[in-house]
Amino acid sequence: MISEWVGLAFMALSIPFFVGGSLGLLRFPNLYTRLHALSKADNLGLGFVVIGMLVTADSWGEALKLVLIWLLVLAGSAIGGYLVANSELEKRNRNG
């Protein structure tokens, strides 16, 4: 019972980070600041969701899968952000 409330509290704590990342995506002036806001806020928000789910996990195997998913999303976000930013930089260098 207490672990469910703690898990729910961590998941609720993630909401401001997801909202902040979404607002940053909509309001910041250029691609680089948007990428930064979105990747940092969403990764931290997902971290709180995973922590909340870890508290209520039934087994070590389930907990390990959650951590692995989080690590893969972190890596994917970093790689995706790098590719988008690098593509924009190359486009700017070509166009002068």
PDB file of N, CA and C in Angstrom:
ATOM      1  N   MET A   1       0.826  -1.191   0.000  1.00  0.00           N
ATOM      2  CA  MET A   1       0.000   0.000   0.000  1.00  0.00           C
ATOM      3  C   MET A   1       0.875   1.262   0.000  1.00  0.00           C
ATOM      4  N   ILE A   2       1.850   1.335   0.890  1.00  0.00           N
ATOM      5  CA  ILE A   2       2.716   2.510   0.939  1.00  0.00           C
ATOM      6  C   ILE A   2       3.573   2.589  -0.323  1.00  0.00           C
ATOM      7  N   SER A   3       4.043   1.456  -0.814  1.00  0.00           N
ATOM      8  CA  SER A   3       4.870   1.469  -2.015  1.00  0.00           C
ATOM      9  C   SER A   3       4.081   1.972  -3.226  1.00  0.00           C
ATOM     10  N   GLU A   4       2.793   1.684  -3.273  1.00  0.00           N
ATOM     11  CA  GLU A   4       1.976   2.196  -4.369  1.00  0.00           C
ATOM     12  C   GLU A   4       1.868   3.714  -4.313  1.00  0.00           C
ATOM     13  N   TRP A   5       1.722   4.273  -3.113  1.00  0.00           N
ATOM     14  CA  TRP A   5       1.632   5.725  -2.972  1.00  0.00           C
ATOM     15  C   TRP A   5       2.964   6.396  -3.295  1.00  0.00           C
ATOM     16  N   VAL A   6       4.057   5.781  -2.890  1.00  0.00           N
ATOM     17  CA  VAL A   6       5.379   6.334  -3.209  1.00  0.00           C
ATOM     18  C   VAL A   6       5.609   6.282  -4.718  1.00  0.00           C
ATOM     19  N   GLY A   7       5.248   5.170  -5.328  1.00  0.00           N
ATOM     20  CA  GLY A   7       5.370   5.050  -6.776  1.00  0.00           C
ATOM     21  C   GLY A   7       4.523   6.078  -7.504  1.00  0.00           C
ATOM     22  N   LEU A   8       3.315   6.277  -7.034  1.00  0.00           N
ATOM     23  CA  LEU A   8       2.431   7.273  -7.632  1.00  0.00           C
ATOM     24  C   LEU A   8       2.991   8.679  -7.451  1.00  0.00           C
ATOM     25  N   ALA A   9       3.605   8.952  -6.305  1.00  0.00           N
ATOM     26  CA  ALA A   9       4.202  10.268  -6.063  1.00  0.00           C
ATOM     27  C   ALA A   9       5.350  10.533  -7.034  1.00  0.00           C
ATOM     28  N   PHE A  10       6.191   9.535  -7.277  1.00  0.00           N
ATOM     29  CA  PHE A  10       7.281   9.706  -8.242  1.00  0.00           C
ATOM     30  C   PHE A  10       6.736   9.915  -9.647  1.00  0.00           C
ATOM     31  N   MET A  11       5.696   9.186  -9.996  1.00  0.00           N
ATOM     32  CA  MET A  11       5.111   9.365 -11.321  1.00  0.00           C
ATOM     33  C   MET A  11       4.477  10.744 -11.459  1.00  0.00           C
ATOM     34  N   ALA A  12       3.839  11.223 -10.395  1.00  0.00           N
ATOM     35  CA  ALA A  12       3.256  12.564 -10.433  1.00  0.00           C
ATOM     36  C   ALA A  12       4.348  13.625 -10.502  1.00  0.00           C
ATOM     37  N   LEU A  13       5.495  13.347  -9.913  1.00  0.00           N
ATOM     38  CA  LEU A  13       6.615  14.280  -9.953  1.00  0.00           C
ATOM     39  C   LEU A  13       7.158  14.441 -11.373  1.00  0.00           C
ATOM     40  N   SER A  14       6.908  13.477 -12.221  1.00  0.00           N
ATOM     41  CA  SER A  14       7.399  13.555 -13.594  1.00  0.00           C
ATOM     42  C   SER A  14       6.574  14.496 -14.461  1.00  0.00           C
ATOM     43  N   ILE A  15       5.348  14.774 -14.069  1.00  0.00           N
ATOM     44  CA  ILE A  15       4.457  15.589 -14.901  1.00  0.00           C
ATOM     45  C   ILE A  15       5.027  16.975 -15.194  1.00  0.00           C
ATOM     46  N   PRO A  16       5.538  17.722 -14.193  1.00  0.00           N
ATOM     47  CA  PRO A  16       6.091  19.044 -14.530  1.00  0.00           C
ATOM     48  C   PRO A  16       7.256  18.991 -15.520  1.00  0.00           C
ATOM     49  N   PHE A  17       8.031  17.935 -15.481  1.00  0.00           N
ATOM     50  CA  PHE A  17       9.146  17.827 -16.421  1.00  0.00           C
ATOM     51  C   PHE A  17       8.651  17.579 -17.841  1.00  0.00           C
ATOM     52  N   PHE A  18       7.645  16.727 -17.991  1.00  0.00           N
ATOM     53  CA  PHE A  18       7.081  16.503 -19.317  1.00  0.00           C
ATOM     54  C   PHE A  18       6.401  17.761 -19.851  1.00  0.00           C
ATOM     55  N   VAL A  19       5.686  18.451 -18.994  1.00  0.00           N
ATOM     56  CA  VAL A  19       5.030  19.695 -19.411  1.00  0.00           C
ATOM     57  C   VAL A  19       6.083  20.747 -19.764  1.00  0.00           C
ATOM     58  N   GLY A  20       7.113  20.869 -18.933  1.00  0.00           N
ATOM     59  CA  GLY A  20       8.174  21.835 -19.210  1.00  0.00           C
ATOM     60  C   GLY A  20       8.902  21.553 -20.512  1.00  0.00           C
ATOM     61  N   GLY A  21       9.179  20.281 -20.778  1.00  0.00           N
ATOM     62  CA  GLY A  21       9.825  19.923 -22.042  1.00  0.00           C
ATOM     63  C   GLY A  21       8.944  20.234 -23.234  1.00  0.00           C
ATOM     64  N   SER A  22       7.648  19.982 -23.098  1.00  0.00           N
ATOM     65  CA  SER A  22       6.721  20.279 -24.191  1.00  0.00           C
ATOM     66  C   SER A  22       6.599  21.777 -24.417  1.00  0.00           C
ATOM     67  N   LEU A  23       6.542  22.554 -23.336  1.00  0.00           N
ATOM     68  CA  LEU A  23       6.491  24.013 -23.483  1.00  0.00           C
ATOM     69  C   LEU A  23       7.785  24.548 -24.086  1.00  0.00           C
ATOM     70  N   GLY A  24       8.918  23.972 -23.699  1.00  0.00           N
ATOM     71  CA  GLY A  24      10.188  24.374 -24.292  1.00  0.00           C
ATOM     72  C   GLY A  24      10.221  24.099 -25.785  1.00  0.00           C
ATOM     73  N   LEU A  25       9.658  22.980 -26.187  1.00  0.00           N
ATOM     74  CA  LEU A  25       9.594  22.641 -27.608  1.00  0.00           C
ATOM     75  C   LEU A  25       8.776  23.673 -28.373  1.00  0.00           C
ATOM     76  N   LEU A  26       7.714  24.145 -27.762  1.00  0.00           N
ATOM     77  CA  LEU A  26       6.826  25.083 -28.443  1.00  0.00           C
ATOM     78  C   LEU A  26       7.319  26.530 -28.378  1.00  0.00           C
ATOM     79  N   ARG A  27       8.023  26.906 -27.323  1.00  0.00           N
ATOM     80  CA  ARG A  27       8.305  28.324 -27.082  1.00  0.00           C
ATOM     81  C   ARG A  27       9.728  28.770 -27.389  1.00  0.00           C
ATOM     82  N   PHE A  28      10.699  27.863 -27.343  1.00  0.00           N
ATOM     83  CA  PHE A  28      12.079  28.304 -27.547  1.00  0.00           C
ATOM     84  C   PHE A  28      12.324  28.684 -29.003  1.00  0.00           C
ATOM     85  N   PRO A  29      13.284  29.594 -29.245  1.00  0.00           N
ATOM     86  CA  PRO A  29      13.392  30.219 -30.561  1.00  0.00           C
ATOM     87  C   PRO A  29      14.065  29.381 -31.654  1.00  0.00           C
ATOM     88  N   ASN A  30      14.973  28.481 -31.298  1.00  0.00           N
ATOM     89  CA  ASN A  30      15.651  27.765 -32.375  1.00  0.00           C
ATOM     90  C   ASN A  30      15.745  26.272 -32.070  1.00  0.00           C
ATOM     91  N   LEU A  31      16.232  25.553 -33.043  1.00  0.00           N
ATOM     92  CA  LEU A  31      16.277  24.097 -32.955  1.00  0.00           C
ATOM     93  C   LEU A  31      17.132  23.601 -31.793  1.00  0.00           C
ATOM     94  N   TYR A  32      18.266  24.221 -31.564  1.00  0.00           N
ATOM     95  CA  TYR A  32      19.196  23.735 -30.546  1.00  0.00           C
ATOM     96  C   TYR A  32      18.625  23.873 -29.139  1.00  0.00           C
ATOM     97  N   THR A  33      18.006  24.999 -28.844  1.00  0.00           N
ATOM     98  CA  THR A  33      17.414  25.170 -27.514  1.00  0.00           C
ATOM     99  C   THR A  33      16.206  24.266 -27.342  1.00  0.00           C
ATOM    100  N   ARG A  34      15.466  24.047 -28.409  1.00  0.00           N
ATOM    101  CA  ARG A  34      14.318  23.126 -28.338  1.00  0.00           C
ATOM    102  C   ARG A  34      14.771  21.704 -28.067  1.00  0.00           C
ATOM    103  N   LEU A  35      15.814  21.280 -28.760  1.00  0.00           N
ATOM    104  CA  LEU A  35      16.355  19.932 -28.532  1.00  0.00           C
ATOM    105  C   LEU A  35      16.834  19.771 -27.099  1.00  0.00           C
ATOM    106  N   HIS A  36      17.518  20.784 -26.603  1.00  0.00           N
ATOM    107  CA  HIS A  36      18.043  20.708 -25.250  1.00  0.00           C
ATOM    108  C   HIS A  36      16.914  20.597 -24.228  1.00  0.00           C
ATOM    109  N   ALA A  37      15.930  21.453 -24.358  1.00  0.00           N
ATOM    110  CA  ALA A  37      14.811  21.441 -23.408  1.00  0.00           C
ATOM    111  C   ALA A  37      14.065  20.115 -23.460  1.00  0.00           C
ATOM    112  N   LEU A  38      13.800  19.656 -24.645  1.00  0.00           N
ATOM    113  CA  LEU A  38      13.025  18.425 -24.798  1.00  0.00           C
ATOM    114  C   LEU A  38      13.786  17.207 -24.297  1.00  0.00           C
ATOM    115  N   SER A  39      15.049  17.088 -24.644  1.00  0.00           N
ATOM    116  CA  SER A  39      15.794  15.891 -24.242  1.00  0.00           C
ATOM    117  C   SER A  39      16.050  15.862 -22.738  1.00  0.00           C
ATOM    118  N   LYS A  40      16.429  16.979 -22.154  1.00  0.00           N
ATOM    119  CA  LYS A  40      16.732  16.989 -20.716  1.00  0.00           C
ATOM    120  C   LYS A  40      15.473  16.775 -19.883  1.00  0.00           C
ATOM    121  N   ALA A  41      14.430  17.513 -20.182  1.00  0.00           N
ATOM    122  CA  ALA A  41      13.205  17.417 -19.380  1.00  0.00           C
ATOM    123  C   ALA A  41      12.532  16.054 -19.543  1.00  0.00           C
ATOM    124  N   ASP A  42      12.468  15.559 -20.756  1.00  0.00           N
ATOM    125  CA  ASP A  42      11.800  14.272 -20.969  1.00  0.00           C
ATOM    126  C   ASP A  42      12.590  13.117 -20.369  1.00  0.00           C
ATOM    127  N   ASN A  43      13.901  13.174 -20.431  1.00  0.00           N
ATOM    128  CA  ASN A  43      14.696  12.106 -19.823  1.00  0.00           C
ATOM    129  C   ASN A  43      14.557  12.103 -18.304  1.00  0.00           C
ATOM    130  N   LEU A  44      14.515  13.278 -17.713  1.00  0.00           N
ATOM    131  CA  LEU A  44      14.329  13.355 -16.263  1.00  0.00           C
ATOM    132  C   LEU A  44      12.914  12.915 -15.881  1.00  0.00           C
ATOM    133  N   GLY A  45      11.928  13.323 -16.670  1.00  0.00           N
ATOM    134  CA  GLY A  45      10.561  12.886 -16.415  1.00  0.00           C
ATOM    135  C   GLY A  45      10.420  11.378 -16.523  1.00  0.00           C
ATOM    136  N   LEU A  46      11.022  10.803 -17.551  1.00  0.00           N
ATOM    137  CA  LEU A  46      10.984   9.352 -17.700  1.00  0.00           C
ATOM    138  C   LEU A  46      11.707   8.667 -16.552  1.00  0.00           C
ATOM    139  N   GLY A  47      12.773   9.285 -16.059  1.00  0.00           N
ATOM    140  CA  GLY A  47      13.477   8.726 -14.909  1.00  0.00           C
ATOM    141  C   GLY A  47      12.577   8.643 -13.683  1.00  0.00           C
ATOM    142  N   PHE A  48      11.783   9.678 -13.440  1.00  0.00           N
ATOM    143  CA  PHE A  48      10.860   9.636 -12.311  1.00  0.00           C
ATOM    144  C   PHE A  48       9.765   8.593 -12.513  1.00  0.00           C
ATOM    145  N   VAL A  49       9.305   8.416 -13.742  1.00  0.00           N
ATOM    146  CA  VAL A  49       8.313   7.371 -14.016  1.00  0.00           C
ATOM    147  C   VAL A  49       8.909   5.997 -13.739  1.00  0.00           C
ATOM    148  N   VAL A  50      10.128   5.779 -14.201  1.00  0.00           N
ATOM    149  CA  VAL A  50      10.784   4.483 -13.990  1.00  0.00           C
ATOM    150  C   VAL A  50      11.025   4.240 -12.499  1.00  0.00           C
ATOM    151  N   ILE A  51      11.455   5.264 -11.766  1.00  0.00           N
ATOM    152  CA  ILE A  51      11.641   5.100 -10.321  1.00  0.00           C
ATOM    153  C   ILE A  51      10.319   4.747  -9.655  1.00  0.00           C
ATOM    154  N   GLY A  52       9.250   5.425 -10.067  1.00  0.00           N
ATOM    155  CA  GLY A  52       7.938   5.109  -9.518  1.00  0.00           C
ATOM    156  C   GLY A  52       7.507   3.692  -9.814  1.00  0.00           C
ATOM    157  N   MET A  53       7.846   3.195 -10.992  1.00  0.00           N
ATOM    158  CA  MET A  53       7.501   1.823 -11.340  1.00  0.00           C
ATOM    159  C   MET A  53       8.426   0.825 -10.649  1.00  0.00           C
ATOM    160  N   LEU A  54       9.674   1.222 -10.412  1.00  0.00           N
ATOM    161  CA  LEU A  54      10.599   0.334  -9.703  1.00  0.00           C
ATOM    162  C   LEU A  54      10.130   0.074  -8.276  1.00  0.00           C
ATOM    163  N   VAL A  55       9.553   1.085  -7.653  1.00  0.00           N
ATOM    164  CA  VAL A  55       9.070   0.927  -6.280  1.00  0.00           C
ATOM    165  C   VAL A  55       7.987  -0.139  -6.203  1.00  0.00           C
ATOM    166  N   THR A  56       7.179  -0.235  -7.254  1.00  0.00           N
ATOM    167  CA  THR A  56       6.065  -1.187  -7.246  1.00  0.00           C
ATOM    168  C   THR A  56       6.363  -2.461  -8.027  1.00  0.00           C
ATOM    169  N   ALA A  57       7.601  -2.632  -8.496  1.00  0.00           N
ATOM    170  CA  ALA A  57       7.948  -3.821  -9.282  1.00  0.00           C
ATOM    171  C   ALA A  57       7.807  -5.084  -8.445  1.00  0.00           C
ATOM    172  N   ASP A  58       7.327  -6.139  -9.075  1.00  0.00           N
ATOM    173  CA  ASP A  58       7.101  -7.405  -8.382  1.00  0.00           C
ATOM    174  C   ASP A  58       8.346  -8.272  -8.275  1.00  0.00           C
ATOM    175  N   SER A  59       9.275  -8.099  -9.213  1.00  0.00           N
ATOM    176  CA  SER A  59      10.458  -8.965  -9.211  1.00  0.00           C
ATOM    177  C   SER A  59      11.679  -8.180  -9.667  1.00  0.00           C
ATOM    178  N   TRP A  60      12.855  -8.781  -9.433  1.00  0.00           N
ATOM    179  CA  TRP A  60      14.099  -8.167  -9.880  1.00  0.00           C
ATOM    180  C   TRP A  60      14.173  -8.142 -11.397  1.00  0.00           C
ATOM    181  N   GLY A  61      13.611  -9.143 -12.035  1.00  0.00           N
ATOM    182  CA  GLY A  61      13.625  -9.188 -13.496  1.00  0.00           C
ATOM    183  C   GLY A  61      12.830  -8.039 -14.098  1.00  0.00           C
ATOM    184  N   GLU A  62      11.691  -7.766 -13.513  1.00  0.00           N
ATOM    185  CA  GLU A  62      10.873  -6.645 -13.975  1.00  0.00           C
ATOM    186  C   GLU A  62      11.601  -5.317 -13.752  1.00  0.00           C
ATOM    187  N   ALA A  63      12.239  -5.170 -12.616  1.00  0.00           N
ATOM    188  CA  ALA A  63      12.990  -3.949 -12.313  1.00  0.00           C
ATOM    189  C   ALA A  63      14.154  -3.772 -13.291  1.00  0.00           C
ATOM    190  N   LEU A  64      14.834  -4.863 -13.601  1.00  0.00           N
ATOM    191  CA  LEU A  64      15.946  -4.803 -14.543  1.00  0.00           C
ATOM    192  C   LEU A  64      15.468  -4.385 -15.929  1.00  0.00           C
ATOM    193  N   LYS A  65      14.323  -4.895 -16.353  1.00  0.00           N
ATOM    194  CA  LYS A  65      13.766  -4.507 -17.648  1.00  0.00           C
ATOM    195  C   LYS A  65      13.430  -3.022 -17.680  1.00  0.00           C
ATOM    196  N   LEU A  66      12.876  -2.505 -16.596  1.00  0.00           N
ATOM    197  CA  LEU A  66      12.547  -1.081 -16.538  1.00  0.00           C
ATOM    198  C   LEU A  66      13.800  -0.220 -16.648  1.00  0.00           C
ATOM    199  N   VAL A  67      14.848  -0.589 -15.937  1.00  0.00           N
ATOM    200  CA  VAL A  67      16.098   0.168 -15.997  1.00  0.00           C
ATOM    201  C   VAL A  67      16.710   0.071 -17.388  1.00  0.00           C
ATOM    202  N   LEU A  68      16.649  -1.092 -17.996  1.00  0.00           N
ATOM    203  CA  LEU A  68      17.181  -1.270 -19.347  1.00  0.00           C
ATOM    204  C   LEU A  68      16.414  -0.409 -20.352  1.00  0.00           C
ATOM    205  N   ILE A  69      15.096  -0.364 -20.231  1.00  0.00           N
ATOM    206  CA  ILE A  69      14.292   0.480 -21.114  1.00  0.00           C
ATOM    207  C   ILE A  69      14.691   1.939 -20.945  1.00  0.00           C
ATOM    208  N   TRP A  70      14.854   2.375 -19.688  1.00  0.00           N
ATOM    209  CA  TRP A  70      15.227   3.755 -19.445  1.00  0.00           C
ATOM    210  C   TRP A  70      16.595   4.077 -20.063  1.00  0.00           C
ATOM    211  N   LEU A  71      17.558   3.171 -19.897  1.00  0.00           N
ATOM    212  CA  LEU A  71      18.888   3.393 -20.470  1.00  0.00           C
ATOM    213  C   LEU A  71      18.850   3.438 -21.992  1.00  0.00           C
ATOM    214  N   LEU A  72      18.040   2.578 -22.593  1.00  0.00           N
ATOM    215  CA  LEU A  72      17.917   2.590 -24.055  1.00  0.00           C
ATOM    216  C   LEU A  72      17.271   3.874 -24.551  1.00  0.00           C
ATOM    217  N   VAL A  73      16.275   4.374 -23.835  1.00  0.00           N
ATOM    218  CA  VAL A  73      15.653   5.637 -24.214  1.00  0.00           C
ATOM    219  C   VAL A  73      16.635   6.796 -24.050  1.00  0.00           C
ATOM    220  N   LEU A  74      17.433   6.776 -22.981  1.00  0.00           N
ATOM    221  CA  LEU A  74      18.460   7.808 -22.798  1.00  0.00           C
ATOM    222  C   LEU A  74      19.455   7.801 -23.958  1.00  0.00           C
ATOM    223  N   ALA A  75      19.908   6.624 -24.331  1.00  0.00           N
ATOM    224  CA  ALA A  75      20.850   6.517 -25.439  1.00  0.00           C
ATOM    225  C   ALA A  75      20.203   6.947 -26.753  1.00  0.00           C
ATOM    226  N   GLY A  76      18.979   6.515 -26.982  1.00  0.00           N
ATOM    227  CA  GLY A  76      18.277   6.895 -28.204  1.00  0.00           C
ATOM    228  C   GLY A  76      18.030   8.392 -28.290  1.00  0.00           C
ATOM    229  N   SER A  77      17.716   9.002 -27.167  1.00  0.00           N
ATOM    230  CA  SER A  77      17.493  10.445 -27.138  1.00  0.00           C
ATOM    231  C   SER A  77      18.781  11.202 -27.431  1.00  0.00           C
ATOM    232  N   ALA A  78      19.872  10.757 -26.862  1.00  0.00           N
ATOM    233  CA  ALA A  78      21.155  11.417 -27.103  1.00  0.00           C
ATOM    234  C   ALA A  78      21.577  11.271 -28.565  1.00  0.00           C
ATOM    235  N   ILE A  79      21.422  10.089 -29.105  1.00  0.00           N
ATOM    236  CA  ILE A  79      21.810   9.853 -30.497  1.00  0.00           C
ATOM    237  C   ILE A  79      20.900  10.624 -31.448  1.00  0.00           C
ATOM    238  N   GLY A  80      19.596  10.592 -31.189  1.00  0.00           N
ATOM    239  CA  GLY A  80      18.653  11.327 -32.032  1.00  0.00           C
ATOM    240  C   GLY A  80      18.899  12.824 -31.986  1.00  0.00           C
ATOM    241  N   GLY A  81      19.136  13.362 -30.801  1.00  0.00           N
ATOM    242  CA  GLY A  81      19.428  14.782 -30.674  1.00  0.00           C
ATOM    243  C   GLY A  81      20.696  15.172 -31.410  1.00  0.00           C
ATOM    244  N   TYR A  82      21.711  14.337 -31.296  1.00  0.00           N
ATOM    245  CA  TYR A  82      22.967  14.603 -32.006  1.00  0.00           C
ATOM    246  C   TYR A  82      22.742  14.599 -33.515  1.00  0.00           C
ATOM    247  N   LEU A  83      21.998  13.621 -34.024  1.00  0.00           N
ATOM    248  CA  LEU A  83      21.777  13.534 -35.466  1.00  0.00           C
ATOM    249  C   LEU A  83      20.985  14.717 -35.997  1.00  0.00           C
ATOM    250  N   VAL A  84      19.964  15.131 -35.260  1.00  0.00           N
ATOM    251  CA  VAL A  84      19.163  16.277 -35.695  1.00  0.00           C
ATOM    252  C   VAL A  84      20.007  17.547 -35.669  1.00  0.00           C
ATOM    253  N   ALA A  85      20.752  17.771 -34.591  1.00  0.00           N
ATOM    254  CA  ALA A  85      21.579  18.966 -34.485  1.00  0.00           C
ATOM    255  C   ALA A  85      22.684  18.974 -35.538  1.00  0.00           C
ATOM    256  N   ASN A  86      23.304  17.840 -35.765  1.00  0.00           N
ATOM    257  CA  ASN A  86      24.364  17.743 -36.768  1.00  0.00           C
ATOM    258  C   ASN A  86      23.811  17.988 -38.169  1.00  0.00           C
ATOM    259  N   SER A  87      22.627  17.475 -38.449  1.00  0.00           N
ATOM    260  CA  SER A  87      21.999  17.697 -39.744  1.00  0.00           C
ATOM    261  C   SER A  87      21.706  19.182 -39.965  1.00  0.00           C
ATOM    262  N   GLU A  88      21.232  19.854 -38.929  1.00  0.00           N
ATOM    263  CA  GLU A  88      20.963  21.295 -39.024  1.00  0.00           C
ATOM    264  C   GLU A  88      22.264  22.072 -39.229  1.00  0.00           C
ATOM    265  N   LEU A  89      23.309  21.683 -38.535  1.00  0.00           N
ATOM    266  CA  LEU A  89      24.601  22.361 -38.676  1.00  0.00           C
ATOM    267  C   LEU A  89      25.155  22.194 -40.086  1.00  0.00           C
ATOM    268  N   GLU A  90      25.060  20.985 -40.626  1.00  0.00           N
ATOM    269  CA  GLU A  90      25.534  20.755 -41.994  1.00  0.00           C
ATOM    270  C   GLU A  90      24.722  21.542 -42.999  1.00  0.00           C
ATOM    271  N   LYS A  91      23.423  21.639 -42.790  1.00  0.00           N
ATOM    272  CA  LYS A  91      22.564  22.401 -43.674  1.00  0.00           C
ATOM    273  C   LYS A  91      22.947  23.882 -43.641  1.00  0.00           C
ATOM    274  N   ARG A  92      23.224  24.401 -42.445  1.00  0.00           N
ATOM    275  CA  ARG A  92      23.642  25.808 -42.329  1.00  0.00           C
ATOM    276  C   ARG A  92      24.995  26.041 -42.988  1.00  0.00           C
ATOM    277  N   ASN A  93      25.911  25.091 -42.878  1.00  0.00           N
ATOM    278  CA  ASN A  93      27.229  25.247 -43.488  1.00  0.00           C
ATOM    279  C   ASN A  93      27.152  25.204 -45.013  1.00  0.00           C
ATOM    280  N   ARG A  94      26.248  24.398 -45.558  1.00  0.00           N
ATOM    281  CA  ARG A  94      26.074  24.325 -47.009  1.00  0.00           C
ATOM    282  C   ARG A  94      25.471  25.603 -47.553  1.00  0.00           C
ATOM    283  N   ASN A  95      24.522  26.165 -46.848  1.00  0.00           N
ATOM    284  CA  ASN A  95      23.805  27.349 -47.332  1.00  0.00           C
ATOM    285  C   ASN A  95      24.528  28.649 -47.032  1.00  0.00           C
ATOM    286  N   GLY A  96      25.560  28.570 -46.239  1.00  0.00           N
ATOM    287  CA  GLY A  96      26.365  29.757 -45.965  1.00  0.00           C
ATOM    288  C   GLY A  96      25.871  30.525 -44.862  1.00  0.00           C
TER     289      GLY A  96
END
